[in-house]
Amino acid sequence: MFCQIPFLELKQALKKRSFFKALLFGNFVLIPLIVWILTNVFPTTPIITLGVLLVLLTPCIDYVIIFSHLGKGDSKAVLASTPLLFIFQMLLLPLYLWIFIGKETIAIIEIAPFAKAFLYLIVIPFSLSIVTQILSKSNKKTGKAILDFSGWLPVPLMALTFFVVIASQIRDLYDNIEPILKVIPIYVAFAIIAPFIGKLSAKIFKVDFYGSRAISFSTSTRNSLVVLPLALSLPAPENQLVAIVIVTQTIVEIFFELIYIKAIPILTKENKN
């Protein structure tokens, strides 16, 4: 997946400064504020709240591109901005967790396994993808071949991952209906509010309607595929509960994505003037 994120194209993202600013402002200022409000309006246990925060504070960096395209948004701008989204969320997530749930809940997270999971699942693939992209830029046959080969993998692998993740948690979902009922109102409220947050951020920074649609998709779509392995690295039995909370968000989100494809283009109509 990381090979398809253009880490060497950061300059391209920065060229659209208004889009870049609106995207970051929406995802890392406005959305955290909304998440904080929702977790206070719908209070849960600290562990459930941890799962909610892990998934809702991290913007998607993969299939959001596909949905942005289907929703007639500027998917190329989202693609160019994925390195920035990834870097910002990895830097800011620990800070947000500290602010929102405090050191008492943070103490539940065992640093060693969490750091190990982060190293193997994020840092190493991230580093290898950059090396591969550098090799392909240098016209090295091996690097280019790997990059080309990886080009068709993300969509089927993401579909397979969604299936495996949901299938692996389906029994736990049935056995833990109470925490699910607690988080569904949070996720539904988030899914309804988030597109408008994206539109508001785009309006503040005067982004065009194509960009505005893309930002709405970005603020609405979360990074469950990346944070789920990190959640599973938490100590048992808390890790299973956090995983259930994250998978529940994924199911709710997929349903709303089908609505977004039709609704967001209507929400942000083309300016004929």
C-alpha atoms as a PDB file:
ATOM      1  CA  MET A   1       0.000   0.000   0.000  1.00  0.00           C
ATOM      2  CA  PHE A   2       2.755   2.457   0.970  1.00  0.00           C
ATOM      3  CA  CYS A   3       4.410   2.050  -2.446  1.00  0.00           C
ATOM      4  CA  GLN A   4       1.380   3.725  -4.007  1.00  0.00           C
ATOM      5  CA  ILE A   5       1.641   6.773  -1.728  1.00  0.00           C
ATOM      6  CA  PRO A   6       3.805   9.334  -3.580  1.00  0.00           C
ATOM      7  CA  PHE A   7       6.177  10.301  -0.761  1.00  0.00           C
ATOM      8  CA  LEU A   8       8.542  11.844  -3.311  1.00  0.00           C
ATOM      9  CA  GLU A   9       5.774  14.135  -4.583  1.00  0.00           C
ATOM     10  CA  LEU A  10       5.367  16.296  -1.487  1.00  0.00           C
ATOM     11  CA  LYS A  11       6.112  19.391  -3.558  1.00  0.00           C
ATOM     12  CA  GLN A  12       3.097  18.581  -5.719  1.00  0.00           C
ATOM     13  CA  ALA A  13       0.818  18.644  -2.678  1.00  0.00           C
ATOM     14  CA  LEU A  14       2.315  21.896  -1.474  1.00  0.00           C
ATOM     15  CA  LYS A  15       1.620  23.594  -4.816  1.00  0.00           C
ATOM     16  CA  LYS A  16      -2.090  23.595  -3.998  1.00  0.00           C
ATOM     17  CA  ARG A  17      -1.593  25.542  -0.802  1.00  0.00           C
ATOM     18  CA  SER A  18      -5.242  26.305  -0.152  1.00  0.00           C
ATOM     19  CA  PHE A  19      -6.193  22.655  -0.573  1.00  0.00           C
ATOM     20  CA  PHE A  20      -3.276  21.541   1.592  1.00  0.00           C
ATOM     21  CA  LYS A  21      -4.165  23.984   4.388  1.00  0.00           C
ATOM     22  CA  ALA A  22      -7.875  23.128   4.286  1.00  0.00           C
ATOM     23  CA  LEU A  23      -7.145  19.394   4.323  1.00  0.00           C
ATOM     24  CA  LEU A  24      -4.880  19.621   7.372  1.00  0.00           C
ATOM     25  CA  PHE A  25      -7.079  22.141   9.181  1.00  0.00           C
ATOM     26  CA  GLY A  26     -10.164  19.999   8.664  1.00  0.00           C
ATOM     27  CA  ASN A  27      -8.543  16.710   9.660  1.00  0.00           C
ATOM     28  CA  PHE A  28      -6.307  17.825  12.516  1.00  0.00           C
ATOM     29  CA  VAL A  29      -8.114  20.812  14.055  1.00  0.00           C
ATOM     30  CA  LEU A  30     -11.852  20.655  13.316  1.00  0.00           C
ATOM     31  CA  ILE A  31     -12.286  16.868  13.323  1.00  0.00           C
ATOM     32  CA  PRO A  32     -10.488  16.365  16.677  1.00  0.00           C
ATOM     33  CA  LEU A  33     -12.774  19.038  18.129  1.00  0.00           C
ATOM     34  CA  ILE A  34     -15.852  17.188  16.835  1.00  0.00           C
ATOM     35  CA  VAL A  35     -14.503  13.872  18.145  1.00  0.00           C
ATOM     36  CA  TRP A  36     -13.922  15.416  21.572  1.00  0.00           C
ATOM     37  CA  ILE A  37     -17.500  16.726  21.636  1.00  0.00           C
ATOM     38  CA  LEU A  38     -18.981  13.382  20.528  1.00  0.00           C
ATOM     39  CA  THR A  39     -17.029  11.348  23.089  1.00  0.00           C
ATOM     40  CA  ASN A  40     -18.331  13.665  25.797  1.00  0.00           C
ATOM     41  CA  VAL A  41     -21.918  13.701  24.557  1.00  0.00           C
ATOM     42  CA  PHE A  42     -21.878   9.875  24.288  1.00  0.00           C
ATOM     43  CA  PRO A  43     -19.655   8.818  27.212  1.00  0.00           C
ATOM     44  CA  THR A  44     -18.193   5.293  27.269  1.00  0.00           C
ATOM     45  CA  THR A  45     -15.527   3.408  29.192  1.00  0.00           C
ATOM     46  CA  PRO A  46     -11.881   4.537  28.834  1.00  0.00           C
ATOM     47  CA  ILE A  47     -10.967   1.461  26.759  1.00  0.00           C
ATOM     48  CA  ILE A  48     -13.869   1.943  24.343  1.00  0.00           C
ATOM     49  CA  THR A  49     -13.009   5.630  24.087  1.00  0.00           C
ATOM     50  CA  LEU A  50      -9.423   4.668  23.239  1.00  0.00           C
ATOM     51  CA  GLY A  51     -10.668   2.612  20.278  1.00  0.00           C
ATOM     52  CA  VAL A  52     -12.945   5.430  19.118  1.00  0.00           C
ATOM     53  CA  LEU A  53     -10.097   7.939  19.280  1.00  0.00           C
ATOM     54  CA  LEU A  54      -7.629   5.659  17.499  1.00  0.00           C
ATOM     55  CA  VAL A  55      -9.894   5.336  14.482  1.00  0.00           C
ATOM     56  CA  LEU A  56     -11.640   8.730  14.333  1.00  0.00           C
ATOM     57  CA  LEU A  57      -8.483  10.824  14.769  1.00  0.00           C
ATOM     58  CA  THR A  58      -6.652   9.210  11.837  1.00  0.00           C
ATOM     59  CA  PRO A  59      -7.690  10.225   8.282  1.00  0.00           C
ATOM     60  CA  CYS A  60      -7.656   7.555   5.592  1.00  0.00           C
ATOM     61  CA  ILE A  61      -4.683   7.383   3.215  1.00  0.00           C
ATOM     62  CA  ASP A  62      -5.795   4.625   0.848  1.00  0.00           C
ATOM     63  CA  TYR A  63      -9.362   3.945  -0.334  1.00  0.00           C
ATOM     64  CA  VAL A  64     -10.376   7.582   0.265  1.00  0.00           C
ATOM     65  CA  ILE A  65      -8.718   8.240  -3.102  1.00  0.00           C
ATOM     66  CA  ILE A  66     -11.085   5.806  -4.821  1.00  0.00           C
ATOM     67  CA  PHE A  67     -14.182   7.223  -3.138  1.00  0.00           C
ATOM     68  CA  SER A  68     -13.075  10.799  -3.885  1.00  0.00           C
ATOM     69  CA  HIS A  69     -12.873   9.862  -7.555  1.00  0.00           C
ATOM     70  CA  LEU A  70     -16.281   8.155  -7.496  1.00  0.00           C
ATOM     71  CA  GLY A  71     -17.712  11.222  -5.751  1.00  0.00           C
ATOM     72  CA  LYS A  72     -16.377  13.561  -8.466  1.00  0.00           C
ATOM     73  CA  GLY A  73     -13.766  15.145  -6.211  1.00  0.00           C
ATOM     74  CA  ASP A  74     -10.128  16.040  -6.790  1.00  0.00           C
ATOM     75  CA  SER A  75      -8.730  12.553  -6.161  1.00  0.00           C
ATOM     76  CA  LYS A  76      -5.322  13.521  -7.597  1.00  0.00           C
ATOM     77  CA  ALA A  77      -4.922  16.220  -4.957  1.00  0.00           C
ATOM     78  CA  VAL A  78      -5.845  13.713  -2.241  1.00  0.00           C
ATOM     79  CA  LEU A  79      -3.307  11.249  -3.645  1.00  0.00           C
ATOM     80  CA  ALA A  80      -0.591  13.899  -3.661  1.00  0.00           C
ATOM     81  CA  SER A  81      -1.461  14.831  -0.071  1.00  0.00           C
ATOM     82  CA  THR A  82      -1.405  11.310   1.386  1.00  0.00           C
ATOM     83  CA  PRO A  83       2.226  11.564   2.578  1.00  0.00           C
ATOM     84  CA  LEU A  84       1.336  14.678   4.553  1.00  0.00           C
ATOM     85  CA  LEU A  85      -1.768  13.070   6.046  1.00  0.00           C
ATOM     86  CA  PHE A  86       0.237  10.021   7.043  1.00  0.00           C
ATOM     87  CA  ILE A  87       3.079  11.988   8.638  1.00  0.00           C
ATOM     88  CA  PHE A  88       0.783  14.387  10.487  1.00  0.00           C
ATOM     89  CA  GLN A  89      -1.418  11.653  11.953  1.00  0.00           C
ATOM     90  CA  MET A  90       1.545   9.610  13.162  1.00  0.00           C
ATOM     91  CA  LEU A  91       2.985  12.703  14.855  1.00  0.00           C
ATOM     92  CA  LEU A  92      -0.256  14.049  16.320  1.00  0.00           C
ATOM     93  CA  LEU A  93      -2.070  10.856  17.365  1.00  0.00           C
ATOM     94  CA  PRO A  94      -0.016  10.324  20.572  1.00  0.00           C
ATOM     95  CA  LEU A  95      -0.562  13.975  21.507  1.00  0.00           C
ATOM     96  CA  TYR A  96      -4.322  13.760  20.957  1.00  0.00           C
ATOM     97  CA  LEU A  97      -4.569  10.537  22.969  1.00  0.00           C
ATOM     98  CA  TRP A  98      -2.697  12.190  25.823  1.00  0.00           C
ATOM     99  CA  ILE A  99      -4.969  15.247  25.762  1.00  0.00           C
ATOM    100  CA  PHE A 100      -8.267  13.378  25.348  1.00  0.00           C
ATOM    101  CA  ILE A 101      -7.896  10.391  27.694  1.00  0.00           C
ATOM    102  CA  GLY A 102      -4.991  11.298  29.966  1.00  0.00           C
ATOM    103  CA  LYS A 103      -2.019   9.409  31.274  1.00  0.00           C
ATOM    104  CA  GLU A 104      -4.159   6.922  33.244  1.00  0.00           C
ATOM    105  CA  THR A 105      -5.544   5.308  30.102  1.00  0.00           C
ATOM    106  CA  ILE A 106      -2.311   5.817  28.191  1.00  0.00           C
ATOM    107  CA  ALA A 107      -0.668   3.706  30.910  1.00  0.00           C
ATOM    108  CA  ILE A 108      -2.688   0.719  29.630  1.00  0.00           C
ATOM    109  CA  ILE A 109      -0.667   0.837  26.421  1.00  0.00           C
ATOM    110  CA  GLU A 110       2.458  -1.249  26.823  1.00  0.00           C
ATOM    111  CA  ILE A 111       5.124   0.681  24.982  1.00  0.00           C
ATOM    112  CA  ALA A 112       7.265  -2.270  23.846  1.00  0.00           C
ATOM    113  CA  PRO A 113       4.667  -4.276  21.835  1.00  0.00           C
ATOM    114  CA  PHE A 114       3.015  -1.095  20.562  1.00  0.00           C
ATOM    115  CA  ALA A 115       6.384   0.286  19.416  1.00  0.00           C
ATOM    116  CA  LYS A 116       7.259  -3.079  17.866  1.00  0.00           C
ATOM    117  CA  ALA A 117       3.993  -3.157  15.927  1.00  0.00           C
ATOM    118  CA  PHE A 118       4.523   0.439  14.816  1.00  0.00           C
ATOM    119  CA  LEU A 119       8.062  -0.429  13.656  1.00  0.00           C
ATOM    120  CA  TYR A 120       7.097  -3.539  11.674  1.00  0.00           C
ATOM    121  CA  LEU A 121       3.748  -2.341  10.322  1.00  0.00           C
ATOM    122  CA  ILE A 122       4.467   1.330   9.656  1.00  0.00           C
ATOM    123  CA  VAL A 123       8.111   2.403   9.825  1.00  0.00           C
ATOM    124  CA  ILE A 124       9.697  -0.471   7.873  1.00  0.00           C
ATOM    125  CA  PRO A 125       7.063  -0.560   5.058  1.00  0.00           C
ATOM    126  CA  PHE A 126       7.177   3.243   4.959  1.00  0.00           C
ATOM    127  CA  SER A 127      10.993   3.216   4.595  1.00  0.00           C
ATOM    128  CA  LEU A 128      10.990   0.425   2.012  1.00  0.00           C
ATOM    129  CA  SER A 129       8.381   2.246  -0.069  1.00  0.00           C
ATOM    130  CA  ILE A 130      10.543   5.384  -0.155  1.00  0.00           C
ATOM    131  CA  VAL A 131      13.604   3.339  -1.186  1.00  0.00           C
ATOM    132  CA  THR A 132      11.555   1.624  -3.899  1.00  0.00           C
ATOM    133  CA  GLN A 133      10.269   4.949  -5.216  1.00  0.00           C
ATOM    134  CA  ILE A 134      13.793   6.395  -5.263  1.00  0.00           C
ATOM    135  CA  LEU A 135      15.031   3.361  -7.205  1.00  0.00           C
ATOM    136  CA  SER A 136      12.192   3.656  -9.699  1.00  0.00           C
ATOM    137  CA  LYS A 137      12.952   7.371 -10.179  1.00  0.00           C
ATOM    138  CA  SER A 138      16.529   6.405 -10.957  1.00  0.00           C
ATOM    139  CA  ASN A 139      15.262   4.032 -13.666  1.00  0.00           C
ATOM    140  CA  LYS A 140      16.585   1.024 -11.824  1.00  0.00           C
ATOM    141  CA  LYS A 141      14.880  -2.030 -13.286  1.00  0.00           C
ATOM    142  CA  THR A 142      14.322  -3.785  -9.969  1.00  0.00           C
ATOM    143  CA  GLY A 143      12.789  -0.801  -8.224  1.00  0.00           C
ATOM    144  CA  LYS A 144      10.570   0.060 -11.177  1.00  0.00           C
ATOM    145  CA  ALA A 145       9.449  -3.561 -11.536  1.00  0.00           C
ATOM    146  CA  ILE A 146       8.475  -3.750  -7.864  1.00  0.00           C
ATOM    147  CA  LEU A 147       6.632  -0.430  -8.072  1.00  0.00           C
ATOM    148  CA  ASP A 148       4.759  -1.508 -11.194  1.00  0.00           C
ATOM    149  CA  PHE A 149       3.929  -4.874  -9.639  1.00  0.00           C
ATOM    150  CA  SER A 150       2.592  -3.211  -6.505  1.00  0.00           C
ATOM    151  CA  GLY A 151       0.387  -0.894  -8.563  1.00  0.00           C
ATOM    152  CA  TRP A 152      -2.436  -3.405  -8.962  1.00  0.00           C
ATOM    153  CA  LEU A 153      -2.225  -4.859  -5.456  1.00  0.00           C
ATOM    154  CA  PRO A 154      -3.887  -2.248  -3.174  1.00  0.00           C
ATOM    155  CA  VAL A 155      -7.513  -2.641  -4.300  1.00  0.00           C
ATOM    156  CA  PRO A 156      -7.775  -6.479  -4.120  1.00  0.00           C
ATOM    157  CA  LEU A 157      -5.628  -6.589  -0.983  1.00  0.00           C
ATOM    158  CA  MET A 158      -7.740  -3.929   0.746  1.00  0.00           C
ATOM    159  CA  ALA A 159     -10.909  -5.822  -0.195  1.00  0.00           C
ATOM    160  CA  LEU A 160      -9.369  -9.045   1.128  1.00  0.00           C
ATOM    161  CA  THR A 161      -8.219  -7.260   4.281  1.00  0.00           C
ATOM    162  CA  PHE A 162     -11.702  -5.867   4.930  1.00  0.00           C
ATOM    163  CA  PHE A 163     -13.173  -9.343   4.520  1.00  0.00           C
ATOM    164  CA  VAL A 164     -10.600 -11.014   6.786  1.00  0.00           C
ATOM    165  CA  VAL A 165     -10.802  -8.293   9.446  1.00  0.00           C
ATOM    166  CA  ILE A 166     -14.600  -8.324   9.634  1.00  0.00           C
ATOM    167  CA  ALA A 167     -14.754 -12.133   9.446  1.00  0.00           C
ATOM    168  CA  SER A 168     -12.172 -12.487  12.227  1.00  0.00           C
ATOM    169  CA  GLN A 169     -14.150 -10.189  14.516  1.00  0.00           C
ATOM    170  CA  ILE A 170     -17.691 -11.228  13.638  1.00  0.00           C
ATOM    171  CA  ARG A 171     -18.065 -13.631  16.586  1.00  0.00           C
ATOM    172  CA  ASP A 172     -16.688 -11.028  18.978  1.00  0.00           C
ATOM    173  CA  LEU A 173     -19.118  -8.508  17.518  1.00  0.00           C
ATOM    174  CA  TYR A 174     -22.031 -10.770  18.418  1.00  0.00           C
ATOM    175  CA  ASP A 175     -20.601 -11.514  21.863  1.00  0.00           C
ATOM    176  CA  ASN A 176     -19.939  -7.859  22.690  1.00  0.00           C
ATOM    177  CA  ILE A 177     -23.107  -6.128  21.604  1.00  0.00           C
ATOM    178  CA  GLU A 178     -23.121  -3.677  24.539  1.00  0.00           C
ATOM    179  CA  PRO A 179     -19.937  -1.757  23.577  1.00  0.00           C
ATOM    180  CA  ILE A 180     -21.087  -1.759  19.952  1.00  0.00           C
ATOM    181  CA  LEU A 181     -24.371  -0.133  20.918  1.00  0.00           C
ATOM    182  CA  LYS A 182     -22.401   2.512  22.805  1.00  0.00           C
ATOM    183  CA  VAL A 183     -20.198   3.491  19.857  1.00  0.00           C
ATOM    184  CA  ILE A 184     -22.705   3.315  16.990  1.00  0.00           C
ATOM    185  CA  PRO A 185     -24.306   6.686  17.909  1.00  0.00           C
ATOM    186  CA  ILE A 186     -20.826   8.248  17.921  1.00  0.00           C
ATOM    187  CA  TYR A 187     -19.974   6.806  14.516  1.00  0.00           C
ATOM    188  CA  VAL A 188     -23.312   7.692  12.929  1.00  0.00           C
ATOM    189  CA  ALA A 189     -23.143  11.254  14.266  1.00  0.00           C
ATOM    190  CA  PHE A 190     -19.556  11.550  13.032  1.00  0.00           C
ATOM    191  CA  ALA A 191     -20.493  10.224   9.589  1.00  0.00           C
ATOM    192  CA  ILE A 192     -23.269  12.815   9.278  1.00  0.00           C
ATOM    193  CA  ILE A 193     -21.228  15.776  10.548  1.00  0.00           C
ATOM    194  CA  ALA A 194     -17.824  15.057   8.969  1.00  0.00           C
ATOM    195  CA  PRO A 195     -18.662  15.942   5.320  1.00  0.00           C
ATOM    196  CA  PHE A 196     -19.895  19.356   6.447  1.00  0.00           C
ATOM    197  CA  ILE A 197     -16.667  19.848   8.405  1.00  0.00           C
ATOM    198  CA  GLY A 198     -14.744  19.222   5.196  1.00  0.00           C
ATOM    199  CA  LYS A 199     -16.917  21.677   3.298  1.00  0.00           C
ATOM    200  CA  LEU A 200     -16.480  24.294   6.039  1.00  0.00           C
ATOM    201  CA  SER A 201     -12.700  23.915   6.006  1.00  0.00           C
ATOM    202  CA  ALA A 202     -12.654  24.188   2.209  1.00  0.00           C
ATOM    203  CA  LYS A 203     -14.805  27.322   2.369  1.00  0.00           C
ATOM    204  CA  ILE A 204     -12.517  28.952   4.948  1.00  0.00           C
ATOM    205  CA  PHE A 205      -9.504  28.466   2.675  1.00  0.00           C
ATOM    206  CA  LYS A 206     -11.439  29.180  -0.557  1.00  0.00           C
ATOM    207  CA  VAL A 207     -10.865  25.806  -2.187  1.00  0.00           C
ATOM    208  CA  ASP A 208     -12.618  25.072  -5.509  1.00  0.00           C
ATOM    209  CA  PHE A 209     -15.597  22.715  -5.587  1.00  0.00           C
ATOM    210  CA  TYR A 210     -13.583  19.684  -6.803  1.00  0.00           C
ATOM    211  CA  GLY A 211     -11.145  20.169  -3.953  1.00  0.00           C
ATOM    212  CA  SER A 212     -13.976  20.789  -1.502  1.00  0.00           C
ATOM    213  CA  ARG A 213     -15.558  17.457  -2.378  1.00  0.00           C
ATOM    214  CA  ALA A 214     -12.233  15.675  -1.885  1.00  0.00           C
ATOM    215  CA  ILE A 215     -11.732  17.327   1.511  1.00  0.00           C
ATOM    216  CA  SER A 216     -15.227  16.244   2.570  1.00  0.00           C
ATOM    217  CA  PHE A 217     -14.338  12.665   1.684  1.00  0.00           C
ATOM    218  CA  SER A 218     -11.062  12.971   3.596  1.00  0.00           C
ATOM    219  CA  THR A 219     -12.638  14.334   6.775  1.00  0.00           C
ATOM    220  CA  SER A 220     -15.295  11.607   6.611  1.00  0.00           C
ATOM    221  CA  THR A 221     -13.081   8.586   5.868  1.00  0.00           C
ATOM    222  CA  ARG A 222     -10.906   7.089   8.602  1.00  0.00           C
ATOM    223  CA  ASN A 223      -7.730   5.002   8.661  1.00  0.00           C
ATOM    224  CA  SER A 224      -8.962   1.754  10.220  1.00  0.00           C
ATOM    225  CA  LEU A 225      -6.671  -0.514   8.186  1.00  0.00           C
ATOM    226  CA  VAL A 226      -3.587   1.188   9.617  1.00  0.00           C
ATOM    227  CA  VAL A 227      -4.674   1.611  13.239  1.00  0.00           C
ATOM    228  CA  LEU A 228      -6.250  -1.839  13.655  1.00  0.00           C
ATOM    229  CA  PRO A 229      -2.895  -3.692  13.813  1.00  0.00           C
ATOM    230  CA  LEU A 230      -1.714  -1.119  16.343  1.00  0.00           C
ATOM    231  CA  ALA A 231      -4.861  -1.745  18.399  1.00  0.00           C
ATOM    232  CA  LEU A 232      -4.235  -5.493  18.331  1.00  0.00           C
ATOM    233  CA  SER A 233      -0.770  -4.873  19.789  1.00  0.00           C
ATOM    234  CA  LEU A 234      -2.387  -3.632  23.006  1.00  0.00           C
ATOM    235  CA  PRO A 235      -2.362  -6.039  25.974  1.00  0.00           C
ATOM    236  CA  ALA A 236      -5.135  -8.655  26.170  1.00  0.00           C
ATOM    237  CA  PRO A 237      -8.050  -8.641  26.714  1.00  0.00           C
ATOM    238  CA  GLU A 238      -8.280  -4.901  26.014  1.00  0.00           C
ATOM    239  CA  ASN A 239      -6.932  -5.355  22.483  1.00  0.00           C
ATOM    240  CA  GLN A 240      -9.955  -7.393  21.369  1.00  0.00           C
ATOM    241  CA  LEU A 241     -12.403  -4.815  22.670  1.00  0.00           C
ATOM    242  CA  VAL A 242     -10.521  -1.968  20.973  1.00  0.00           C
ATOM    243  CA  ALA A 243     -10.421  -4.001  17.736  1.00  0.00           C
ATOM    244  CA  ILE A 244     -14.195  -4.542  17.892  1.00  0.00           C
ATOM    245  CA  VAL A 245     -14.720  -0.802  18.352  1.00  0.00           C
ATOM    246  CA  ILE A 246     -12.560  -0.067  15.291  1.00  0.00           C
ATOM    247  CA  VAL A 247     -14.181  -2.744  13.096  1.00  0.00           C
ATOM    248  CA  THR A 248     -17.621  -1.376  14.008  1.00  0.00           C
ATOM    249  CA  GLN A 249     -16.545   2.026  12.691  1.00  0.00           C
ATOM    250  CA  THR A 250     -15.380   0.419   9.447  1.00  0.00           C
ATOM    251  CA  ILE A 251     -18.764  -1.222   8.886  1.00  0.00           C
ATOM    252  CA  VAL A 252     -20.636   2.027   9.571  1.00  0.00           C
ATOM    253  CA  GLU A 253     -18.246   3.957   7.334  1.00  0.00           C
ATOM    254  CA  ILE A 254     -18.605   1.629   4.340  1.00  0.00           C
ATOM    255  CA  PHE A 255     -22.385   2.100   4.479  1.00  0.00           C
ATOM    256  CA  PHE A 256     -22.034   5.890   4.562  1.00  0.00           C
ATOM    257  CA  GLU A 257     -19.432   5.933   1.763  1.00  0.00           C
ATOM    258  CA  LEU A 258     -22.137   4.658  -0.577  1.00  0.00           C
ATOM    259  CA  ILE A 259     -24.255   7.630   0.464  1.00  0.00           C
ATOM    260  CA  TYR A 260     -21.345  10.092   0.182  1.00  0.00           C
ATOM    261  CA  ILE A 261     -20.748   9.172  -3.460  1.00  0.00           C
ATOM    262  CA  LYS A 262     -24.161  10.637  -4.320  1.00  0.00           C
ATOM    263  CA  ALA A 263     -24.587  13.191  -1.532  1.00  0.00           C
ATOM    264  CA  ILE A 264     -21.243  15.028  -1.509  1.00  0.00           C
ATOM    265  CA  PRO A 265     -21.456  16.150  -5.181  1.00  0.00           C
ATOM    266  CA  ILE A 266     -24.917  17.542  -4.352  1.00  0.00           C
ATOM    267  CA  LEU A 267     -23.640  19.129  -1.137  1.00  0.00           C
ATOM    268  CA  THR A 268     -20.858  20.850  -3.085  1.00  0.00           C
ATOM    269  CA  LYS A 269     -22.270  21.790  -6.474  1.00  0.00           C
ATOM    270  CA  GLU A 270     -20.222  23.127  -9.354  1.00  0.00           C
ATOM    271  CA  ASN A 271     -20.123  26.898  -9.516  1.00  0.00           C
ATOM    272  CA  LYS A 272     -21.335  27.844 -12.991  1.00  0.00           C
ATOM    273  CA  ASN A 273     -20.205  31.444 -12.679  1.00  0.00           C
END
